[in-house]
Amino acid sequence: IGCRGLIEISFKLRGKTGHAGRPELGVNAITSGINLISKLKRQLAAKYSDPVLGTSTLNLAYCQGGLDTGSGVLGRQGNNIADLAEFVLDIRPASSELTAQKVLKIIESYLPGTKLSLEDWLVRHNLGSWLTPKPDLADLNLPGSYEPSLGYIDTQMLWETFDQVPCATIGAGNLAIAHTPNEYVELSSLEATKNTIVTMVKGGYND
């Protein structure tokens, strides 16, 4: 009956290179960037939560950094301070107030204290949260008890497009094996899903 949203962003942080023996003369884009992201993760969890959907989460999905050689290939020499780092973040907003633009503003607010600069910001997904209150589901005749999903569901886009009409998603499968190698659905789960849909159709709607 709901899900957190999906924000996926990538960006680069630029610091200042120098000799590894004198780290105080440079700004390590990798370590400073990870510290910044850790701070962002704590702020999102503390300020953008929902009583039903829970806490907004942040996953650091990709990180690459090193010495910017100007050739497009980052240097890997240990005696240089890494002056460029690229990150990909997957954020699951529980609050409709949290958007990709808000995340950008938060990151920019951190920069003065880090001596980092932000480059090549790109938003891949900027999808909000969805929640249909349980009282609004009465007309759907849903058998059993239903809760929000931990993962993002495309139903959110329909719910948002059609003025937040009551929505629910029903499907077979075990969330514990979602997105794992050799993901599968048990026949008994398919049968239970079929029975649920049949019950709903036969029940009609309460006009």
Protein backbone atom coordinates (compact mmCIF):
# COMPACT_ATOMS: atom_id res chain seq x y z
CA ILE A 1 0.00 0.00 0.00
CA GLY A 2 3.00 2.24 -0.31
CA CYS A 3 6.74 2.49 -0.74
CA ARG A 4 9.63 4.82 -0.23
CA GLY A 5 10.79 6.73 -3.29
CA LEU A 6 13.94 6.36 -5.36
CA ILE A 7 16.58 9.02 -5.91
CA GLU A 8 19.74 8.01 -7.77
CA ILE A 9 22.42 10.62 -8.27
CA SER A 10 26.03 10.66 -9.40
CA PHE A 11 28.58 13.42 -8.92
CA LYS A 12 32.27 14.17 -8.61
CA LEU A 13 34.04 15.92 -5.77
CA ARG A 14 37.31 17.71 -6.40
CA GLY A 15 39.87 18.29 -3.70
CA LYS A 16 43.53 19.25 -3.86
CA THR A 17 46.45 16.97 -4.62
CA GLY A 18 49.84 16.97 -2.97
CA HIS A 19 52.44 14.62 -1.54
CA ALA A 20 51.09 11.84 0.68
CA GLY A 21 53.79 12.57 3.23
CA ARG A 22 52.23 15.98 3.92
CA PRO A 23 48.46 15.33 3.83
CA GLU A 24 47.70 18.62 5.56
CA LEU A 25 48.68 20.47 2.35
CA GLY A 26 46.03 18.73 0.24
CA VAL A 27 42.36 17.76 0.32
CA ASN A 28 41.71 14.05 -0.25
CA ALA A 29 38.56 13.86 -2.37
CA ILE A 30 37.96 10.21 -1.47
CA THR A 31 38.12 10.37 2.32
CA SER A 32 36.59 13.85 2.55
CA GLY A 33 33.83 12.76 0.15
CA ILE A 34 33.01 9.66 2.19
CA ASN A 35 32.88 11.75 5.36
CA LEU A 36 30.49 14.14 3.61
CA ILE A 37 28.27 11.25 2.46
CA SER A 38 28.21 9.78 5.97
CA LYS A 39 27.03 13.13 7.29
CA LEU A 40 24.37 13.29 4.57
CA LYS A 41 23.18 9.78 5.46
CA ARG A 42 22.70 10.73 9.10
CA GLN A 43 20.83 13.93 8.23
CA LEU A 44 18.45 12.22 5.82
CA ALA A 45 17.62 9.54 8.39
CA ALA A 46 17.05 12.09 11.14
CA LYS A 47 15.03 14.72 9.26
CA TYR A 48 13.16 12.89 6.49
CA SER A 49 11.30 9.99 8.09
CA ASP A 50 7.64 8.90 8.07
CA PRO A 51 5.62 7.10 10.77
CA VAL A 52 4.50 4.43 8.29
CA LEU A 53 7.22 4.31 5.62
CA GLY A 54 10.04 4.53 8.12
CA THR A 55 13.47 6.11 7.65
CA SER A 56 14.99 7.59 4.53
CA THR A 57 18.10 5.58 3.67
CA LEU A 58 21.24 6.21 1.64
CA ASN A 59 23.36 3.59 -0.10
CA LEU A 60 26.81 4.45 -1.45
CA ALA A 61 26.62 2.26 -4.55
CA TYR A 62 29.83 3.29 -6.35
CA CYS A 63 33.04 5.10 -5.52
CA GLN A 64 36.14 5.72 -7.61
CA GLY A 65 38.89 8.18 -7.00
CA GLY A 66 42.54 9.04 -7.44
CA LEU A 67 44.85 11.58 -9.00
CA ASP A 68 43.35 13.55 -11.88
CA THR A 69 45.92 13.11 -14.66
CA GLY A 70 43.86 15.01 -17.23
CA SER A 71 43.69 11.95 -19.48
CA GLY A 72 40.41 10.58 -18.15
CA VAL A 73 42.26 7.80 -16.30
CA LEU A 74 42.78 8.37 -12.58
CA GLY A 75 46.26 7.85 -11.23
CA ARG A 76 46.75 5.12 -8.64
CA GLN A 77 50.12 6.13 -7.22
CA GLY A 78 50.20 5.82 -3.47
CA ASN A 79 52.35 8.90 -2.89
CA ASN A 80 49.73 11.32 -4.29
CA ILE A 81 46.75 12.77 -2.48
CA ALA A 82 43.61 11.85 -4.45
CA ASP A 83 42.13 15.08 -5.80
CA LEU A 84 39.11 13.65 -7.64
CA ALA A 85 36.42 11.17 -6.58
CA GLU A 86 33.19 10.03 -8.22
CA PHE A 87 30.21 8.71 -6.29
CA VAL A 88 26.82 7.15 -7.04
CA LEU A 89 24.18 7.36 -4.32
CA ASP A 90 20.91 5.44 -4.08
CA ILE A 91 18.53 7.24 -1.71
CA ARG A 92 15.15 5.88 -0.62
CA PRO A 93 13.12 8.88 0.62
CA ALA A 94 10.40 8.12 3.13
CA SER A 95 9.23 11.74 3.08
CA SER A 96 7.70 13.48 0.07
CA GLU A 97 9.72 16.57 1.04
CA LEU A 98 12.99 14.89 0.05
CA THR A 99 13.89 15.35 -3.62
CA ALA A 100 17.08 15.19 -5.68
CA GLN A 101 17.21 18.99 -5.66
CA LYS A 102 16.99 19.03 -1.86
CA VAL A 103 19.84 16.50 -1.65
CA LEU A 104 21.94 18.74 -3.90
CA LYS A 105 21.31 21.76 -1.67
CA ILE A 106 22.28 19.78 1.42
CA ILE A 107 25.54 18.62 -0.18
CA GLU A 108 26.33 22.15 -1.33
CA SER A 109 25.78 23.40 2.22
CA TYR A 110 28.52 21.04 3.42
CA LEU A 111 31.14 22.11 0.87
CA PRO A 112 32.52 25.28 2.53
CA GLY A 113 33.72 23.27 5.52
CA THR A 114 35.36 20.57 3.41
CA LYS A 115 37.31 22.62 0.79
CA LEU A 116 35.77 20.35 -1.85
CA SER A 117 34.02 21.47 -5.03
CA LEU A 118 31.12 19.73 -6.74
CA GLU A 119 31.30 18.69 -10.42
CA ASP A 120 29.28 16.74 -13.00
CA TRP A 121 26.09 16.35 -10.96
CA LEU A 122 23.62 13.99 -12.67
CA VAL A 123 20.18 12.80 -11.55
CA ARG A 124 19.14 9.40 -12.89
CA HIS A 125 15.97 8.95 -10.79
CA ASN A 126 13.93 11.46 -8.80
CA LEU A 127 10.85 9.56 -7.67
CA GLY A 128 8.90 10.35 -4.53
CA SER A 129 7.30 8.16 -1.90
CA TRP A 130 3.79 6.71 -2.10
CA LEU A 131 1.34 5.78 0.63
CA THR A 132 -2.35 4.93 0.44
CA PRO A 133 -3.89 5.16 3.94
CA LYS A 134 -5.52 1.92 5.00
CA PRO A 135 -9.03 3.47 5.40
CA ASP A 136 -8.89 4.52 1.73
CA LEU A 137 -8.46 0.89 0.66
CA ALA A 138 -11.84 -0.30 1.92
CA ASP A 139 -13.42 -0.26 -1.55
CA LEU A 140 -10.73 -2.56 -2.95
CA ASN A 141 -11.84 -5.50 -0.78
CA LEU A 142 -8.28 -6.56 -0.05
CA PRO A 143 -8.23 -9.83 1.87
CA GLY A 144 -5.74 -10.04 4.73
CA SER A 145 -3.39 -7.35 6.01
CA TYR A 146 -1.18 -5.21 3.78
CA GLU A 147 1.85 -3.08 4.57
CA PRO A 148 4.19 -0.76 2.63
CA SER A 149 7.03 -2.26 0.60
CA LEU A 150 10.68 -1.85 1.52
CA GLY A 151 11.63 -1.42 -2.16
CA TYR A 152 10.44 1.03 -4.79
CA ILE A 153 7.34 0.04 -6.79
CA ASP A 154 6.30 1.57 -10.14
CA THR A 155 2.77 1.96 -8.77
CA GLN A 156 4.04 5.18 -7.21
CA MET A 157 4.14 6.83 -10.64
CA LEU A 158 0.50 5.88 -11.34
CA TRP A 159 -0.56 7.05 -7.87
CA GLU A 160 1.16 10.40 -8.40
CA THR A 161 -0.09 10.88 -11.99
CA PHE A 162 -3.72 10.16 -11.14
CA ASP A 163 -4.06 12.52 -8.16
CA GLN A 164 -3.15 9.97 -5.49
CA VAL A 165 -6.03 7.60 -6.23
CA PRO A 166 -6.08 4.67 -3.72
CA CYS A 167 -3.62 2.03 -4.92
CA ALA A 168 -2.32 -1.32 -3.79
CA THR A 169 0.19 -3.71 -5.31
CA ILE A 170 -0.28 -7.46 -5.11
CA GLY A 171 2.23 -10.00 -6.34
CA ALA A 172 3.87 -13.33 -5.73
CA GLY A 173 7.35 -13.86 -4.38
CA ASN A 174 9.57 -13.70 -1.33
CA LEU A 175 11.15 -10.28 -0.74
CA ALA A 176 14.09 -11.97 1.00
CA ILE A 177 15.36 -13.26 -2.36
CA ALA A 178 14.49 -10.20 -4.45
CA HIS A 179 17.39 -9.06 -6.68
CA THR A 180 19.48 -12.10 -5.74
CA PRO A 181 21.13 -14.51 -8.20
CA ASN A 182 18.66 -17.05 -9.60
CA GLU A 183 15.66 -15.20 -8.20
CA TYR A 184 12.55 -17.36 -8.36
CA VAL A 185 8.89 -17.53 -7.33
CA GLU A 186 7.42 -20.60 -5.67
CA LEU A 187 4.31 -22.15 -7.25
CA SER A 188 2.50 -21.99 -3.90
CA SER A 189 3.04 -18.22 -3.85
CA LEU A 190 1.61 -17.90 -7.36
CA GLU A 191 -1.42 -19.92 -6.29
CA ALA A 192 -1.97 -17.72 -3.23
CA THR A 193 -1.74 -14.60 -5.40
CA LYS A 194 -4.28 -16.01 -7.83
CA ASN A 195 -6.68 -16.79 -4.99
CA THR A 196 -6.31 -13.24 -3.62
CA ILE A 197 -7.15 -11.67 -6.98
CA VAL A 198 -10.13 -13.99 -7.50
CA THR A 199 -11.45 -13.04 -4.05
CA MET A 200 -11.14 -9.36 -4.88
CA VAL A 201 -12.89 -9.69 -8.25
CA LYS A 202 -15.74 -11.73 -6.85
CA GLY A 203 -16.16 -9.32 -3.96
CA GLY A 204 -16.86 -6.39 -6.26
CA TYR A 205 -16.71 -2.86 -4.93
CA ASN A 206 -18.52 -1.26 -2.02
CA ASP A 207 -20.32 1.67 -3.67
